[in-house]
Amino acid sequence: MSAAPAVKRRILVVDDDPLLLTFLTEVIGHAGYDTVTASCAEEALAVIATGEPDLALLDITMPGMSGLELAARLKADTSVPFMFLSAVDDSESARQAAAHGAVGYLVKPVDAARLMPAFEAGLARADDIRQLRRTEVNLNAALVAGRETSVAVGLLMGKFQTDRNTAFEVLRDHARSSRRKINEVADQLLAAEETLNSLHSAFAERLKAKSS
């Protein structure tokens, strides 16, 4: 008697850019996942109403309801895990992603070589969260630590144009060498990035004032 075929994971991809939407679904579909698409948040909610996907990949900036607003709806009304796509690699966007509960964060433009490792890491993180919810073991602490690390890794990928594994290994090795937890290093990285962005804005304002 032959074994039953494995059930494919169902992935919802939400983006208002039709070319990027096609690219993402082709790459994810080629890797063996079933994909369903939406070009806006409202359409995504209608898709989810017919059956929750295993993971949703959300563009942060969309007309109408933003990806962040959609994420808040998913968090409040569903059990759908999600990760973000962003055209911005600043710390504020990364922090917002973490605060909304994202299991991953990718910075555009995204090529296939960088997409799939990050996507599959996000899916694995979503599976871990489901398991934690079932066992109710240190859920809140694990969620916070995992989000900070995932978002920091995504930020490093965007800034240094590297793959997820390399970014994670650098972050992990730095944590080990300083004898600190990886989520502590990730939080420090996000805080430092926020400080640098604030200083950059201050310098820009000072130069503008001098030239006027």
C-alpha atoms as a PDB file:
ATOM      1  CA  MET A   1       0.000   0.000   0.000  1.00  0.00           C
ATOM      2  CA  SER A   2       1.521   3.320  -1.073  1.00  0.00           C
ATOM      3  CA  ALA A   3       1.982   6.149   1.403  1.00  0.00           C
ATOM      4  CA  ALA A   4      -0.342   9.133   1.212  1.00  0.00           C
ATOM      5  CA  PRO A   5       1.202  12.132  -0.558  1.00  0.00           C
ATOM      6  CA  ALA A   6       2.523  14.880   1.671  1.00  0.00           C
ATOM      7  CA  VAL A   7       0.225  17.849   2.035  1.00  0.00           C
ATOM      8  CA  LYS A   8       1.739  20.979   0.534  1.00  0.00           C
ATOM      9  CA  ARG A   9       2.069  24.038   2.738  1.00  0.00           C
ATOM     10  CA  ARG A  10      -0.210  26.888   1.631  1.00  0.00           C
ATOM     11  CA  ILE A  11       1.405  30.318   1.404  1.00  0.00           C
ATOM     12  CA  LEU A  12      -0.398  33.635   0.947  1.00  0.00           C
ATOM     13  CA  VAL A  13       1.620  36.319  -0.855  1.00  0.00           C
ATOM     14  CA  VAL A  14       0.311  39.895  -0.630  1.00  0.00           C
ATOM     15  CA  ASP A  15       1.840  42.687  -2.728  1.00  0.00           C
ATOM     16  CA  ASP A  16       0.422  45.462  -4.923  1.00  0.00           C
ATOM     17  CA  ASP A  17       3.297  45.156  -7.437  1.00  0.00           C
ATOM     18  CA  PRO A  18       2.130  42.564 -10.019  1.00  0.00           C
ATOM     19  CA  LEU A  19       5.665  41.838 -11.263  1.00  0.00           C
ATOM     20  CA  LEU A  20       7.010  41.217  -7.775  1.00  0.00           C
ATOM     21  CA  LEU A  21       3.902  39.194  -6.910  1.00  0.00           C
ATOM     22  CA  THR A  22       4.529  36.943  -9.906  1.00  0.00           C
ATOM     23  CA  PHE A  23       8.215  36.572  -9.042  1.00  0.00           C
ATOM     24  CA  LEU A  24       7.524  35.654  -5.424  1.00  0.00           C
ATOM     25  CA  THR A  25       4.842  33.102  -6.251  1.00  0.00           C
ATOM     26  CA  GLU A  26       6.983  31.482  -8.951  1.00  0.00           C
ATOM     27  CA  VAL A  27      10.000  31.112  -6.671  1.00  0.00           C
ATOM     28  CA  ILE A  28       7.976  29.855  -3.694  1.00  0.00           C
ATOM     29  CA  GLY A  29       5.862  27.587  -5.904  1.00  0.00           C
ATOM     30  CA  HIS A  30       8.961  26.141  -7.572  1.00  0.00           C
ATOM     31  CA  ALA A  31      10.220  25.176  -4.109  1.00  0.00           C
ATOM     32  CA  GLY A  32       7.169  22.953  -3.642  1.00  0.00           C
ATOM     33  CA  TYR A  33       4.654  25.179  -1.870  1.00  0.00           C
ATOM     34  CA  ASP A  34       1.098  25.991  -2.884  1.00  0.00           C
ATOM     35  CA  THR A  35       0.682  29.729  -3.274  1.00  0.00           C
ATOM     36  CA  VAL A  36      -2.335  32.007  -3.269  1.00  0.00           C
ATOM     37  CA  THR A  37      -2.037  35.714  -4.020  1.00  0.00           C
ATOM     38  CA  ALA A  38      -3.658  39.004  -3.132  1.00  0.00           C
ATOM     39  CA  SER A  39      -2.901  42.484  -4.459  1.00  0.00           C
ATOM     40  CA  CYS A  40      -4.237  44.331  -1.402  1.00  0.00           C
ATOM     41  CA  ALA A  41      -5.052  43.772   2.250  1.00  0.00           C
ATOM     42  CA  GLU A  42      -8.793  43.563   1.704  1.00  0.00           C
ATOM     43  CA  GLU A  43      -8.335  40.847  -0.908  1.00  0.00           C
ATOM     44  CA  ALA A  44      -6.002  38.997   1.450  1.00  0.00           C
ATOM     45  CA  LEU A  45      -8.620  38.979   4.200  1.00  0.00           C
ATOM     46  CA  ALA A  46     -11.150  37.552   1.761  1.00  0.00           C
ATOM     47  CA  VAL A  47      -8.709  34.777   0.830  1.00  0.00           C
ATOM     48  CA  ILE A  48      -8.024  33.964   4.484  1.00  0.00           C
ATOM     49  CA  ALA A  49     -11.752  33.755   5.164  1.00  0.00           C
ATOM     50  CA  THR A  50     -11.875  30.731   2.850  1.00  0.00           C
ATOM     51  CA  GLY A  51      -9.079  28.948   4.716  1.00  0.00           C
ATOM     52  CA  GLU A  52      -6.053  30.039   6.731  1.00  0.00           C
ATOM     53  CA  PRO A  53      -2.649  29.644   5.027  1.00  0.00           C
ATOM     54  CA  ASP A  54       0.407  28.279   6.804  1.00  0.00           C
ATOM     55  CA  LEU A  55       2.205  31.613   6.363  1.00  0.00           C
ATOM     56  CA  ALA A  56       1.470  35.038   4.888  1.00  0.00           C
ATOM     57  CA  LEU A  57       4.154  37.131   3.195  1.00  0.00           C
ATOM     58  CA  LEU A  58       3.075  40.782   3.452  1.00  0.00           C
ATOM     59  CA  ASP A  59       4.331  43.892   1.711  1.00  0.00           C
ATOM     60  CA  ILE A  60       4.504  46.640   4.348  1.00  0.00           C
ATOM     61  CA  THR A  61       3.603  49.544   2.045  1.00  0.00           C
ATOM     62  CA  MET A  62       0.366  49.100   0.113  1.00  0.00           C
ATOM     63  CA  PRO A  63      -2.413  51.513  -0.886  1.00  0.00           C
ATOM     64  CA  GLY A  64      -5.421  51.459   1.405  1.00  0.00           C
ATOM     65  CA  MET A  65      -4.810  49.188   4.372  1.00  0.00           C
ATOM     66  CA  SER A  66      -1.055  48.835   4.908  1.00  0.00           C
ATOM     67  CA  GLY A  67       0.772  45.602   5.550  1.00  0.00           C
ATOM     68  CA  LEU A  68       1.230  46.609   9.183  1.00  0.00           C
ATOM     69  CA  GLU A  69      -2.508  47.203   9.561  1.00  0.00           C
ATOM     70  CA  LEU A  70      -3.220  43.885   7.888  1.00  0.00           C
ATOM     71  CA  ALA A  71      -0.790  42.176  10.257  1.00  0.00           C
ATOM     72  CA  ALA A  72      -2.641  43.653  13.230  1.00  0.00           C
ATOM     73  CA  ARG A  73      -5.887  42.195  11.873  1.00  0.00           C
ATOM     74  CA  LEU A  74      -4.291  38.790  11.366  1.00  0.00           C
ATOM     75  CA  LYS A  75      -2.850  38.826  14.868  1.00  0.00           C
ATOM     76  CA  ALA A  76      -6.175  39.815  16.430  1.00  0.00           C
ATOM     77  CA  ASP A  77      -8.584  37.690  14.409  1.00  0.00           C
ATOM     78  CA  THR A  78      -6.630  34.686  13.069  1.00  0.00           C
ATOM     79  CA  SER A  79      -3.768  32.346  13.874  1.00  0.00           C
ATOM     80  CA  VAL A  80      -1.968  33.079  10.577  1.00  0.00           C
ATOM     81  CA  PRO A  81       1.766  33.745  11.065  1.00  0.00           C
ATOM     82  CA  PHE A  82       3.290  36.381   8.803  1.00  0.00           C
ATOM     83  CA  MET A  83       6.551  37.890   7.654  1.00  0.00           C
ATOM     84  CA  PHE A  84       7.163  41.265   6.044  1.00  0.00           C
ATOM     85  CA  LEU A  85       8.670  42.562   2.823  1.00  0.00           C
ATOM     86  CA  SER A  86       9.922  46.128   2.994  1.00  0.00           C
ATOM     87  CA  ALA A  87      11.601  48.510   0.572  1.00  0.00           C
ATOM     88  CA  VAL A  88      13.149  50.264   3.583  1.00  0.00           C
ATOM     89  CA  ASP A  89      15.980  48.812   5.663  1.00  0.00           C
ATOM     90  CA  ASP A  90      15.822  51.256   8.578  1.00  0.00           C
ATOM     91  CA  SER A  91      15.480  50.284  12.209  1.00  0.00           C
ATOM     92  CA  GLU A  92      12.032  51.835  12.620  1.00  0.00           C
ATOM     93  CA  SER A  93      10.509  49.533   9.997  1.00  0.00           C
ATOM     94  CA  ALA A  94      12.336  46.595  11.545  1.00  0.00           C
ATOM     95  CA  ARG A  95      11.074  47.470  15.011  1.00  0.00           C
ATOM     96  CA  GLN A  96       7.519  47.852  13.744  1.00  0.00           C
ATOM     97  CA  ALA A  97       7.766  44.417  12.154  1.00  0.00           C
ATOM     98  CA  ALA A  98       8.933  42.908  15.435  1.00  0.00           C
ATOM     99  CA  ALA A  99       6.282  44.761  17.433  1.00  0.00           C
ATOM    100  CA  HIS A 100       3.532  43.408  15.174  1.00  0.00           C
ATOM    101  CA  GLY A 101       4.739  39.841  15.708  1.00  0.00           C
ATOM    102  CA  ALA A 102       6.415  39.064  12.374  1.00  0.00           C
ATOM    103  CA  VAL A 103       8.321  35.785  12.118  1.00  0.00           C
ATOM    104  CA  GLY A 104      10.672  37.279   9.535  1.00  0.00           C
ATOM    105  CA  TYR A 105      11.672  40.437   7.694  1.00  0.00           C
ATOM    106  CA  LEU A 106      13.047  40.811   4.166  1.00  0.00           C
ATOM    107  CA  VAL A 107      14.328  43.937   2.465  1.00  0.00           C
ATOM    108  CA  LYS A 108      13.617  44.567  -1.227  1.00  0.00           C
ATOM    109  CA  PRO A 109      14.891  43.959  -3.798  1.00  0.00           C
ATOM    110  CA  VAL A 110      14.878  40.237  -3.048  1.00  0.00           C
ATOM    111  CA  ASP A 111      16.494  37.656  -5.304  1.00  0.00           C
ATOM    112  CA  ALA A 112      15.653  33.963  -5.298  1.00  0.00           C
ATOM    113  CA  ALA A 113      18.874  32.951  -3.545  1.00  0.00           C
ATOM    114  CA  ARG A 114      18.085  35.194  -0.576  1.00  0.00           C
ATOM    115  CA  LEU A 115      14.319  34.728  -0.595  1.00  0.00           C
ATOM    116  CA  MET A 116      13.989  31.011   0.034  1.00  0.00           C
ATOM    117  CA  PRO A 117      16.370  30.634   3.009  1.00  0.00           C
ATOM    118  CA  ALA A 118      14.682  33.599   4.728  1.00  0.00           C
ATOM    119  CA  PHE A 119      11.213  32.387   3.794  1.00  0.00           C
ATOM    120  CA  GLU A 120      11.835  28.851   5.043  1.00  0.00           C
ATOM    121  CA  ALA A 121      13.383  30.194   8.244  1.00  0.00           C
ATOM    122  CA  GLY A 122      10.222  32.250   8.778  1.00  0.00           C
ATOM    123  CA  LEU A 123       8.045  29.214   8.145  1.00  0.00           C
ATOM    124  CA  ALA A 124      10.110  27.162  10.588  1.00  0.00           C
ATOM    125  CA  ARG A 125       9.745  29.945  13.141  1.00  0.00           C
ATOM    126  CA  ALA A 126       5.972  29.901  12.599  1.00  0.00           C
ATOM    127  CA  ASP A 127       5.957  26.148  13.215  1.00  0.00           C
ATOM    128  CA  ASP A 128       7.924  26.673  16.428  1.00  0.00           C
ATOM    129  CA  ILE A 129       5.369  29.221  17.603  1.00  0.00           C
ATOM    130  CA  ARG A 130       2.520  26.796  16.927  1.00  0.00           C
ATOM    131  CA  GLN A 131       4.332  24.167  18.972  1.00  0.00           C
ATOM    132  CA  LEU A 132       4.940  26.629  21.778  1.00  0.00           C
ATOM    133  CA  ARG A 133       1.281  27.570  21.803  1.00  0.00           C
ATOM    134  CA  ARG A 134       0.403  23.905  22.122  1.00  0.00           C
ATOM    135  CA  THR A 135       2.805  23.314  24.976  1.00  0.00           C
ATOM    136  CA  GLU A 136       2.519  26.798  26.528  1.00  0.00           C
ATOM    137  CA  VAL A 137       6.184  26.751  27.519  1.00  0.00           C
ATOM    138  CA  ASN A 138       7.741  30.197  27.961  1.00  0.00           C
ATOM    139  CA  LEU A 139       5.732  31.493  25.008  1.00  0.00           C
ATOM    140  CA  ASN A 140       6.044  35.230  25.549  1.00  0.00           C
ATOM    141  CA  ALA A 141       9.801  35.201  26.173  1.00  0.00           C
ATOM    142  CA  ALA A 142      10.416  32.942  23.195  1.00  0.00           C
ATOM    143  CA  LEU A 143       8.298  35.097  20.890  1.00  0.00           C
ATOM    144  CA  VAL A 144      10.108  38.295  21.823  1.00  0.00           C
ATOM    145  CA  ALA A 145      13.588  36.774  21.528  1.00  0.00           C
ATOM    146  CA  GLY A 146      12.826  35.109  18.205  1.00  0.00           C
ATOM    147  CA  ARG A 147      11.297  38.233  16.666  1.00  0.00           C
ATOM    148  CA  GLU A 148      14.245  40.435  17.651  1.00  0.00           C
ATOM    149  CA  THR A 149      16.712  37.960  16.165  1.00  0.00           C
ATOM    150  CA  SER A 150      14.720  37.458  12.941  1.00  0.00           C
ATOM    151  CA  VAL A 151      14.296  41.186  12.390  1.00  0.00           C
ATOM    152  CA  ALA A 152      17.971  41.923  13.136  1.00  0.00           C
ATOM    153  CA  VAL A 153      19.034  39.221  10.670  1.00  0.00           C
ATOM    154  CA  GLY A 154      16.761  40.719   8.012  1.00  0.00           C
ATOM    155  CA  LEU A 155      18.258  44.144   8.657  1.00  0.00           C
ATOM    156  CA  LEU A 156      21.804  42.780   8.263  1.00  0.00           C
ATOM    157  CA  MET A 157      20.814  41.030   5.022  1.00  0.00           C
ATOM    158  CA  GLY A 158      19.570  44.308   3.568  1.00  0.00           C
ATOM    159  CA  LYS A 159      22.497  46.440   4.700  1.00  0.00           C
ATOM    160  CA  PHE A 160      25.272  44.056   3.651  1.00  0.00           C
ATOM    161  CA  GLN A 161      23.483  42.364   0.716  1.00  0.00           C
ATOM    162  CA  THR A 162      24.170  38.929   2.131  1.00  0.00           C
ATOM    163  CA  ASP A 163      22.186  35.739   2.596  1.00  0.00           C
ATOM    164  CA  ARG A 164      20.264  34.847   5.740  1.00  0.00           C
ATOM    165  CA  ASN A 165      22.635  32.095   6.897  1.00  0.00           C
ATOM    166  CA  THR A 166      25.670  34.368   6.754  1.00  0.00           C
ATOM    167  CA  ALA A 167      23.843  37.187   8.536  1.00  0.00           C
ATOM    168  CA  PHE A 168      22.661  34.836  11.288  1.00  0.00           C
ATOM    169  CA  GLU A 169      26.110  33.263  11.703  1.00  0.00           C
ATOM    170  CA  VAL A 170      27.775  36.663  12.077  1.00  0.00           C
ATOM    171  CA  LEU A 171      25.185  37.704  14.651  1.00  0.00           C
ATOM    172  CA  ARG A 172      25.493  34.393  16.515  1.00  0.00           C
ATOM    173  CA  ASP A 173      29.307  34.420  16.504  1.00  0.00           C
ATOM    174  CA  HIS A 174      29.367  37.974  17.819  1.00  0.00           C
ATOM    175  CA  ALA A 175      26.998  36.964  20.614  1.00  0.00           C
ATOM    176  CA  ARG A 176      29.189  33.999  21.492  1.00  0.00           C
ATOM    177  CA  SER A 177      32.408  36.028  21.473  1.00  0.00           C
ATOM    178  CA  SER A 178      30.858  38.590  23.811  1.00  0.00           C
ATOM    179  CA  ARG A 179      29.247  35.843  25.931  1.00  0.00           C
ATOM    180  CA  ARG A 180      25.771  37.284  25.504  1.00  0.00           C
ATOM    181  CA  LYS A 181      22.435  35.941  24.333  1.00  0.00           C
ATOM    182  CA  ILE A 182      21.792  36.416  20.640  1.00  0.00           C
ATOM    183  CA  ASN A 183      18.531  38.281  21.224  1.00  0.00           C
ATOM    184  CA  GLU A 184      20.406  40.778  23.455  1.00  0.00           C
ATOM    185  CA  VAL A 185      22.854  41.468  20.622  1.00  0.00           C
ATOM    186  CA  ALA A 186      19.956  41.738  18.171  1.00  0.00           C
ATOM    187  CA  ASP A 187      18.198  44.282  20.384  1.00  0.00           C
ATOM    188  CA  GLN A 188      21.417  46.288  20.716  1.00  0.00           C
ATOM    189  CA  LEU A 189      21.832  46.258  16.936  1.00  0.00           C
ATOM    190  CA  LEU A 190      18.323  47.621  16.400  1.00  0.00           C
ATOM    191  CA  ALA A 191      18.831  50.280  19.064  1.00  0.00           C
ATOM    192  CA  ALA A 192      22.165  51.331  17.539  1.00  0.00           C
ATOM    193  CA  GLU A 193      20.606  51.583  14.099  1.00  0.00           C
ATOM    194  CA  GLU A 194      17.854  53.776  15.492  1.00  0.00           C
ATOM    195  CA  THR A 195      20.451  56.046  17.127  1.00  0.00           C
ATOM    196  CA  LEU A 196      22.440  56.345  13.891  1.00  0.00           C
ATOM    197  CA  ASN A 197      19.298  57.244  11.969  1.00  0.00           C
ATOM    198  CA  SER A 198      18.451  59.927  14.532  1.00  0.00           C
ATOM    199  CA  LEU A 199      21.959  61.380  14.316  1.00  0.00           C
ATOM    200  CA  HIS A 200      21.799  61.320  10.531  1.00  0.00           C
ATOM    201  CA  SER A 201      18.572  63.326  10.644  1.00  0.00           C
ATOM    202  CA  ALA A 202      20.103  65.776  13.122  1.00  0.00           C
ATOM    203  CA  PHE A 203      23.143  66.334  10.897  1.00  0.00           C
ATOM    204  CA  ALA A 204      20.928  66.835   7.874  1.00  0.00           C
ATOM    205  CA  GLU A 205      18.879  69.471   9.716  1.00  0.00           C
ATOM    206  CA  ARG A 206      22.053  71.229  10.922  1.00  0.00           C
ATOM    207  CA  LEU A 207      23.525  71.351   7.400  1.00  0.00           C
ATOM    208  CA  LYS A 208      20.225  72.616   6.008  1.00  0.00           C
ATOM    209  CA  ALA A 209      20.116  75.391   8.615  1.00  0.00           C
ATOM    210  CA  LYS A 210      23.690  76.450   7.843  1.00  0.00           C
ATOM    211  CA  SER A 211      23.047  76.611   4.090  1.00  0.00           C
ATOM    212  CA  SER A 212      19.884  78.693   4.430  1.00  0.00           C
END
